[in-house]
Amino acid sequence: MNLKRPLHLDRITIDPDVMDGQPCIRGLRIPVSLIIKLIASGKSINEILDDYPELEEEDVRQALEYAAWATTEASIPMTP
């Protein structure tokens, strides 16, 4: 299994001193998981950018791409 992050995901940072090492956007305290949860709840990219003015559209796109990559690289068992 290749757990190495794709190089073109340069806006996704992982720092043990920021949000306990969760993947975040450009070192900000905005985890990728938050972006994914907002989109899953029905927020549009423009609504997310309005709510988080420090984000850019490419940040959201890379968060989605990172999540897609991460879920193809590892299986997470789901229990009923």
PDB file of N, CA and C in Angstrom:
ATOM      1  N   MET A   1       0.850  -1.175   0.000  1.00  0.00           N
ATOM      2  CA  MET A   1       0.000   0.000   0.000  1.00  0.00           C
ATOM      3  C   MET A   1       0.897   1.240   0.000  1.00  0.00           C
ATOM      4  N   ASN A   2       0.614   2.170  -0.901  1.00  0.00           N
ATOM      5  CA  ASN A   2       1.400   3.401  -1.013  1.00  0.00           C
ATOM      6  C   ASN A   2       0.723   4.511  -0.215  1.00  0.00           C
ATOM      7  N   LEU A   3       1.285   4.836   0.947  1.00  0.00           N
ATOM      8  CA  LEU A   3       0.688   5.869   1.787  1.00  0.00           C
ATOM      9  C   LEU A   3       1.311   7.235   1.568  1.00  0.00           C
ATOM     10  N   LYS A   4       2.201   7.343   0.594  1.00  0.00           N
ATOM     11  CA  LYS A   4       2.839   8.614   0.310  1.00  0.00           C
ATOM     12  C   LYS A   4       1.846   9.540  -0.401  1.00  0.00           C
ATOM     13  N   ARG A   5       1.709  10.751   0.125  1.00  0.00           N
ATOM     14  CA  ARG A   5       0.761  11.720  -0.418  1.00  0.00           C
ATOM     15  C   ARG A   5       1.207  12.159  -1.810  1.00  0.00           C
ATOM     16  N   PRO A   6       0.280  12.246  -2.771  1.00  0.00           N
ATOM     17  CA  PRO A   6       0.649  12.745  -4.105  1.00  0.00           C
ATOM     18  C   PRO A   6       1.259  14.143  -4.022  1.00  0.00           C
ATOM     19  N   LEU A   7       2.307  14.380  -4.792  1.00  0.00           N
ATOM     20  CA  LEU A   7       3.049  15.643  -4.734  1.00  0.00           C
ATOM     21  C   LEU A   7       2.210  16.865  -5.095  1.00  0.00           C
ATOM     22  N   HIS A   8       1.245  16.698  -5.976  1.00  0.00           N
ATOM     23  CA  HIS A   8       0.477  17.865  -6.402  1.00  0.00           C
ATOM     24  C   HIS A   8      -0.505  18.359  -5.334  1.00  0.00           C
ATOM     25  N   LEU A   9      -0.628  17.647  -4.242  1.00  0.00           N
ATOM     26  CA  LEU A   9      -1.491  18.102  -3.144  1.00  0.00           C
ATOM     27  C   LEU A   9      -0.680  18.970  -2.190  1.00  0.00           C
ATOM     28  N   ASP A  10      -0.176  20.068  -2.722  1.00  0.00           N
ATOM     29  CA  ASP A  10       0.739  20.925  -1.971  1.00  0.00           C
ATOM     30  C   ASP A  10       0.056  21.819  -0.947  1.00  0.00           C
ATOM     31  N   ARG A  11      -1.261  21.866  -0.950  1.00  0.00           N
ATOM     32  CA  ARG A  11      -1.984  22.697   0.021  1.00  0.00           C
ATOM     33  C   ARG A  11      -2.405  21.906   1.254  1.00  0.00           C
ATOM     34  N   ILE A  12      -2.194  20.608   1.225  1.00  0.00           N
ATOM     35  CA  ILE A  12      -2.553  19.751   2.350  1.00  0.00           C
ATOM     36  C   ILE A  12      -1.297  19.538   3.189  1.00  0.00           C
ATOM     37  N   THR A  13      -1.372  19.944   4.451  1.00  0.00           N
ATOM     38  CA  THR A  13      -0.220  19.816   5.339  1.00  0.00           C
ATOM     39  C   THR A  13      -0.577  18.925   6.523  1.00  0.00           C
ATOM     40  N   ILE A  14       0.437  18.217   7.001  1.00  0.00           N
ATOM     41  CA  ILE A  14       0.270  17.374   8.182  1.00  0.00           C
ATOM     42  C   ILE A  14       1.403  17.728   9.133  1.00  0.00           C
ATOM     43  N   ASP A  15       1.025  18.312  10.259  1.00  0.00           N
ATOM     44  CA  ASP A  15       1.996  18.770  11.250  1.00  0.00           C
ATOM     45  C   ASP A  15       1.512  18.296  12.617  1.00  0.00           C
ATOM     46  N   PRO A  16       2.316  17.524  13.333  1.00  0.00           N
ATOM     47  CA  PRO A  16       1.879  17.023  14.627  1.00  0.00           C
ATOM     48  C   PRO A  16       1.515  18.137  15.623  1.00  0.00           C
ATOM     49  N   ASP A  17       2.012  19.355  15.392  1.00  0.00           N
ATOM     50  CA  ASP A  17       1.718  20.470  16.291  1.00  0.00           C
ATOM     51  C   ASP A  17       0.470  21.255  15.890  1.00  0.00           C
ATOM     52  N   VAL A  18      -0.159  20.878  14.782  1.00  0.00           N
ATOM     53  CA  VAL A  18      -1.371  21.567  14.320  1.00  0.00           C
ATOM     54  C   VAL A  18      -2.498  20.549  14.256  1.00  0.00           C
ATOM     55  N   MET A  19      -3.525  20.751  15.051  1.00  0.00           N
ATOM     56  CA  MET A  19      -4.709  19.890  15.069  1.00  0.00           C
ATOM     57  C   MET A  19      -4.330  18.418  15.266  1.00  0.00           C
ATOM     58  N   ASP A  20      -3.368  18.176  16.145  1.00  0.00           N
ATOM     59  CA  ASP A  20      -2.937  16.802  16.468  1.00  0.00           C
ATOM     60  C   ASP A  20      -2.534  15.995  15.246  1.00  0.00           C
ATOM     61  N   GLY A  21      -1.999  16.651  14.233  1.00  0.00           N
ATOM     62  CA  GLY A  21      -1.506  15.944  13.059  1.00  0.00           C
ATOM     63  C   GLY A  21      -2.543  15.598  12.013  1.00  0.00           C
ATOM     64  N   GLN A  22      -3.755  16.115  12.180  1.00  0.00           N
ATOM     65  CA  GLN A  22      -4.767  15.878  11.150  1.00  0.00           C
ATOM     66  C   GLN A  22      -4.350  16.597   9.867  1.00  0.00           C
ATOM     67  N   PRO A  23      -4.680  16.039   8.700  1.00  0.00           N
ATOM     68  CA  PRO A  23      -4.425  16.758   7.461  1.00  0.00           C
ATOM     69  C   PRO A  23      -5.217  18.069   7.460  1.00  0.00           C
ATOM     70  N   CYS A  24      -4.515  19.176   7.224  1.00  0.00           N
ATOM     71  CA  CYS A  24      -5.130  20.504   7.251  1.00  0.00           C
ATOM     72  C   CYS A  24      -4.827  21.248   5.957  1.00  0.00           C
ATOM     73  N   ILE A  25      -5.503  22.355   5.790  1.00  0.00           N
ATOM     74  CA  ILE A  25      -5.302  23.210   4.636  1.00  0.00           C
ATOM     75  C   ILE A  25      -4.195  24.215   4.953  1.00  0.00           C
ATOM     76  N   ARG A  26      -3.104  24.158   4.213  1.00  0.00           N
ATOM     77  CA  ARG A  26      -1.986  25.112   4.276  1.00  0.00           C
ATOM     78  C   ARG A  26      -1.543  25.461   5.689  1.00  0.00           C
ATOM     79  N   GLY A  27      -1.542  24.499   6.583  1.00  0.00           N
ATOM     80  CA  GLY A  27      -1.075  24.758   7.942  1.00  0.00           C
ATOM     81  C   GLY A  27      -2.071  25.513   8.799  1.00  0.00           C
ATOM     82  N   LEU A  28      -3.204  25.867   8.226  1.00  0.00           N
ATOM     83  CA  LEU A  28      -4.253  26.529   9.005  1.00  0.00           C
ATOM     84  C   LEU A  28      -4.909  25.485   9.902  1.00  0.00           C
ATOM     85  N   ARG A  29      -5.636  25.924  10.843  1.00  0.00           N
ATOM     86  CA  ARG A  29      -6.352  24.995  11.729  1.00  0.00           C
ATOM     87  C   ARG A  29      -7.715  24.654  11.133  1.00  0.00           C
ATOM     88  N   ILE A  30      -7.687  24.345   9.852  1.00  0.00           N
ATOM     89  CA  ILE A  30      -8.894  23.929   9.138  1.00  0.00           C
ATOM     90  C   ILE A  30      -8.604  22.541   8.564  1.00  0.00           C
ATOM     91  N   PRO A  31      -9.100  21.492   9.231  1.00  0.00           N
ATOM     92  CA  PRO A  31      -8.806  20.143   8.767  1.00  0.00           C
ATOM     93  C   PRO A  31      -9.565  19.786   7.484  1.00  0.00           C
ATOM     94  N   VAL A  32      -8.939  18.923   6.707  1.00  0.00           N
ATOM     95  CA  VAL A  32      -9.576  18.411   5.488  1.00  0.00           C
ATOM     96  C   VAL A  32     -10.933  17.811   5.837  1.00  0.00           C
ATOM     97  N   SER A  33     -11.015  17.114   6.954  1.00  0.00           N
ATOM     98  CA  SER A  33     -12.280  16.467   7.337  1.00  0.00           C
ATOM     99  C   SER A  33     -13.412  17.475   7.492  1.00  0.00           C
ATOM    100  N   LEU A  34     -13.122  18.676   7.961  1.00  0.00           N
ATOM    101  CA  LEU A  34     -14.160  19.699   8.085  1.00  0.00           C
ATOM    102  C   LEU A  34     -14.701  20.073   6.710  1.00  0.00           C
ATOM    103  N   ILE A  35     -13.803  20.276   5.751  1.00  0.00           N
ATOM    104  CA  ILE A  35     -14.233  20.632   4.394  1.00  0.00           C
ATOM    105  C   ILE A  35     -15.130  19.536   3.831  1.00  0.00           C
ATOM    106  N   ILE A  36     -14.723  18.277   4.013  1.00  0.00           N
ATOM    107  CA  ILE A  36     -15.507  17.161   3.488  1.00  0.00           C
ATOM    108  C   ILE A  36     -16.876  17.101   4.165  1.00  0.00           C
ATOM    109  N   LYS A  37     -16.907  17.301   5.473  1.00  0.00           N
ATOM    110  CA  LYS A  37     -18.184  17.291   6.204  1.00  0.00           C
ATOM    111  C   LYS A  37     -19.097  18.421   5.739  1.00  0.00           C
ATOM    112  N   LEU A  38     -18.533  19.598   5.483  1.00  0.00           N
ATOM    113  CA  LEU A  38     -19.351  20.718   5.014  1.00  0.00           C
ATOM    114  C   LEU A  38     -19.957  20.418   3.648  1.00  0.00           C
ATOM    115  N   ILE A  39     -19.162  19.851   2.753  1.00  0.00           N
ATOM    116  CA  ILE A  39     -19.675  19.502   1.430  1.00  0.00           C
ATOM    117  C   ILE A  39     -20.729  18.402   1.546  1.00  0.00           C
ATOM    118  N   ALA A  40     -20.475  17.412   2.393  1.00  0.00           N
ATOM    119  CA  ALA A  40     -21.439  16.325   2.585  1.00  0.00           C
ATOM    120  C   ALA A  40     -22.761  16.831   3.152  1.00  0.00           C
ATOM    121  N   SER A  41     -22.704  17.911   3.929  1.00  0.00           N
ATOM    122  CA  SER A  41     -23.937  18.461   4.513  1.00  0.00           C
ATOM    123  C   SER A  41     -24.684  19.373   3.534  1.00  0.00           C
ATOM    124  N   GLY A  42     -24.113  19.558   2.333  1.00  0.00           N
ATOM    125  CA  GLY A  42     -24.820  20.331   1.316  1.00  0.00           C
ATOM    126  C   GLY A  42     -24.262  21.717   1.035  1.00  0.00           C
ATOM    127  N   LYS A  43     -23.206  22.096   1.720  1.00  0.00           N
ATOM    128  CA  LYS A  43     -22.609  23.422   1.469  1.00  0.00           C
ATOM    129  C   LYS A  43     -21.935  23.428   0.101  1.00  0.00           C
ATOM    130  N   SER A  44     -22.062  24.527  -0.597  1.00  0.00           N
ATOM    131  CA  SER A  44     -21.366  24.682  -1.868  1.00  0.00           C
ATOM    132  C   SER A  44     -19.958  25.217  -1.596  1.00  0.00           C
ATOM    133  N   ILE A  45     -19.118  25.110  -2.595  1.00  0.00           N
ATOM    134  CA  ILE A  45     -17.765  25.655  -2.451  1.00  0.00           C
ATOM    135  C   ILE A  45     -17.835  27.143  -2.142  1.00  0.00           C
ATOM    136  N   ASN A  46     -18.697  27.861  -2.825  1.00  0.00           N
ATOM    137  CA  ASN A  46     -18.818  29.309  -2.569  1.00  0.00           C
ATOM    138  C   ASN A  46     -19.279  29.600  -1.146  1.00  0.00           C
ATOM    139  N   GLU A  47     -20.184  28.799  -0.612  1.00  0.00           N
ATOM    140  CA  GLU A  47     -20.622  29.000   0.775  1.00  0.00           C
ATOM    141  C   GLU A  47     -19.471  28.742   1.751  1.00  0.00           C
ATOM    142  N   ILE A  48     -18.680  27.720   1.475  1.00  0.00           N
ATOM    143  CA  ILE A  48     -17.533  27.428   2.334  1.00  0.00           C
ATOM    144  C   ILE A  48     -16.537  28.575   2.280  1.00  0.00           C
ATOM    145  N   LEU A  49     -16.281  29.097   1.088  1.00  0.00           N
ATOM    146  CA  LEU A  49     -15.345  30.219   0.948  1.00  0.00           C
ATOM    147  C   LEU A  49     -15.870  31.468   1.652  1.00  0.00           C
ATOM    148  N   ASP A  50     -17.184  31.671   1.639  1.00  0.00           N
ATOM    149  CA  ASP A  50     -17.766  32.801   2.364  1.00  0.00           C
ATOM    150  C   ASP A  50     -17.616  32.632   3.880  1.00  0.00           C
ATOM    151  N   ASP A  51     -17.810  31.395   4.347  1.00  0.00           N
ATOM    152  CA  ASP A  51     -17.715  31.114   5.788  1.00  0.00           C
ATOM    153  C   ASP A  51     -16.267  31.114   6.296  1.00  0.00           C
ATOM    154  N   TYR A  52     -15.331  30.777   5.422  1.00  0.00           N
ATOM    155  CA  TYR A  52     -13.914  30.687   5.782  1.00  0.00           C
ATOM    156  C   TYR A  52     -13.103  31.505   4.780  1.00  0.00           C
ATOM    157  N   PRO A  53     -13.072  32.832   4.941  1.00  0.00           N
ATOM    158  CA  PRO A  53     -12.433  33.704   3.944  1.00  0.00           C
ATOM    159  C   PRO A  53     -10.934  33.456   3.765  1.00  0.00           C
ATOM    160  N   GLU A  54     -10.297  32.763   4.696  1.00  0.00           N
ATOM    161  CA  GLU A  54      -8.882  32.457   4.538  1.00  0.00           C
ATOM    162  C   GLU A  54      -8.642  31.319   3.545  1.00  0.00           C
ATOM    163  N   LEU A  55      -9.711  30.630   3.160  1.00  0.00           N
ATOM    164  CA  LEU A  55      -9.598  29.550   2.178  1.00  0.00           C
ATOM    165  C   LEU A  55      -9.712  30.078   0.756  1.00  0.00           C
ATOM    166  N   GLU A  56      -9.142  29.320  -0.159  1.00  0.00           N
ATOM    167  CA  GLU A  56      -9.253  29.594  -1.594  1.00  0.00           C
ATOM    168  C   GLU A  56      -9.907  28.381  -2.249  1.00  0.00           C
ATOM    169  N   GLU A  57     -10.467  28.584  -3.423  1.00  0.00           N
ATOM    170  CA  GLU A  57     -11.156  27.504  -4.115  1.00  0.00           C
ATOM    171  C   GLU A  57     -10.247  26.282  -4.295  1.00  0.00           C
ATOM    172  N   GLU A  58      -8.991  26.483  -4.622  1.00  0.00           N
ATOM    173  CA  GLU A  58      -8.067  25.367  -4.810  1.00  0.00           C
ATOM    174  C   GLU A  58      -7.865  24.579  -3.518  1.00  0.00           C
ATOM    175  N   ASP A  59      -7.976  25.240  -2.360  1.00  0.00           N
ATOM    176  CA  ASP A  59      -7.880  24.529  -1.076  1.00  0.00           C
ATOM    177  C   ASP A  59      -8.995  23.489  -0.966  1.00  0.00           C
ATOM    178  N   VAL A  60     -10.203  23.895  -1.319  1.00  0.00           N
ATOM    179  CA  VAL A  60     -11.354  22.990  -1.231  1.00  0.00           C
ATOM    180  C   VAL A  60     -11.198  21.851  -2.234  1.00  0.00           C
ATOM    181  N   ARG A  61     -10.777  22.161  -3.428  1.00  0.00           N
ATOM    182  CA  ARG A  61     -10.580  21.122  -4.450  1.00  0.00           C
ATOM    183  C   ARG A  61      -9.522  20.108  -4.006  1.00  0.00           C
ATOM    184  N   GLN A  62      -8.430  20.601  -3.445  1.00  0.00           N
ATOM    185  CA  GLN A  62      -7.401  19.674  -2.989  1.00  0.00           C
ATOM    186  C   GLN A  62      -7.865  18.859  -1.779  1.00  0.00           C
ATOM    187  N   ALA A  63      -8.706  19.438  -0.935  1.00  0.00           N
ATOM    188  CA  ALA A  63      -9.258  18.675   0.190  1.00  0.00           C
ATOM    189  C   ALA A  63     -10.083  17.505  -0.334  1.00  0.00           C
ATOM    190  N   LEU A  64     -10.873  17.754  -1.355  1.00  0.00           N
ATOM    191  CA  LEU A  64     -11.665  16.678  -1.962  1.00  0.00           C
ATOM    192  C   LEU A  64     -10.764  15.627  -2.601  1.00  0.00           C
ATOM    193  N   GLU A  65      -9.760  16.078  -3.303  1.00  0.00           N
ATOM    194  CA  GLU A  65      -8.847  15.144  -3.952  1.00  0.00           C
ATOM    195  C   GLU A  65      -8.076  14.330  -2.915  1.00  0.00           C
ATOM    196  N   TYR A  66      -7.645  14.982  -1.828  1.00  0.00           N
ATOM    197  CA  TYR A  66      -6.946  14.270  -0.764  1.00  0.00           C
ATOM    198  C   TYR A  66      -7.850  13.201  -0.157  1.00  0.00           C
ATOM    199  N   ALA A  67      -9.102  13.557   0.109  1.00  0.00           N
ATOM    200  CA  ALA A  67     -10.043  12.593   0.690  1.00  0.00           C
ATOM    201  C   ALA A  67     -10.258  11.415  -0.253  1.00  0.00           C
ATOM    202  N   ALA A  68     -10.359  11.688  -1.543  1.00  0.00           N
ATOM    203  CA  ALA A  68     -10.519  10.607  -2.513  1.00  0.00           C
ATOM    204  C   ALA A  68      -9.297   9.705  -2.511  1.00  0.00           C
ATOM    205  N   TRP A  69      -8.112  10.298  -2.490  1.00  0.00           N
ATOM    206  CA  TRP A  69      -6.872   9.522  -2.449  1.00  0.00           C
ATOM    207  C   TRP A  69      -6.802   8.696  -1.169  1.00  0.00           C
ATOM    208  N   ALA A  70      -7.087   9.324  -0.041  1.00  0.00           N
ATOM    209  CA  ALA A  70      -6.963   8.648   1.257  1.00  0.00           C
ATOM    210  C   ALA A  70      -7.914   7.455   1.351  1.00  0.00           C
ATOM    211  N   THR A  71      -9.098   7.575   0.802  1.00  0.00           N
ATOM    212  CA  THR A  71     -10.055   6.475   0.908  1.00  0.00           C
ATOM    213  C   THR A  71      -9.764   5.352  -0.070  1.00  0.00           C
ATOM    214  N   THR A  72      -8.957   5.599  -1.078  1.00  0.00           N
ATOM    215  CA  THR A  72      -8.573   4.505  -1.966  1.00  0.00           C
ATOM    216  C   THR A  72      -7.334   3.793  -1.445  1.00  0.00           C
ATOM    217  N   GLU A  73      -6.608   4.408  -0.543  1.00  0.00           N
ATOM    218  CA  GLU A  73      -5.359   3.846  -0.039  1.00  0.00           C
ATOM    219  C   GLU A  73      -5.540   2.983   1.199  1.00  0.00           C
ATOM    220  N   ALA A  74      -6.601   3.164   1.918  1.00  0.00           N
ATOM    221  CA  ALA A  74      -6.780   2.399   3.157  1.00  0.00           C
ATOM    222  C   ALA A  74      -8.236   2.008   3.316  1.00  0.00           C
ATOM    223  N   SER A  75      -8.444   0.840   3.857  1.00  0.00           N
ATOM    224  CA  SER A  75      -9.803   0.390   4.152  1.00  0.00           C
ATOM    225  C   SER A  75     -10.092   0.677   5.607  1.00  0.00           C
ATOM    226  N   ILE A  76     -11.257   1.203   5.845  1.00  0.00           N
ATOM    227  CA  ILE A  76     -11.692   1.465   7.219  1.00  0.00           C
ATOM    228  C   ILE A  76     -12.922   0.612   7.456  1.00  0.00           C
ATOM    229  N   PRO A  77     -12.809  -0.393   8.311  1.00  0.00           N
ATOM    230  CA  PRO A  77     -13.953  -1.268   8.543  1.00  0.00           C
ATOM    231  C   PRO A  77     -15.117  -0.488   9.154  1.00  0.00           C
ATOM    232  N   MET A  78     -16.301  -0.787   8.658  1.00  0.00           N
ATOM    233  CA  MET A  78     -17.515  -0.153   9.193  1.00  0.00           C
ATOM    234  C   MET A  78     -18.289  -1.213   9.961  1.00  0.00           C
ATOM    235  N   THR A  79     -18.688  -0.859  11.158  1.00  0.00           N
ATOM    236  CA  THR A  79     -19.458  -1.796  11.957  1.00  0.00           C
ATOM    237  C   THR A  79     -20.914  -1.365  11.957  1.00  0.00           C
ATOM    238  N   PRO A  80     -21.809  -2.319  11.981  1.00  0.00           N
ATOM    239  CA  PRO A  80     -23.244  -1.965  11.975  1.00  0.00           C
ATOM    240  C   PRO A  80     -23.690  -1.269  13.235  1.00  0.00           C
TER     241      PRO A  80
END
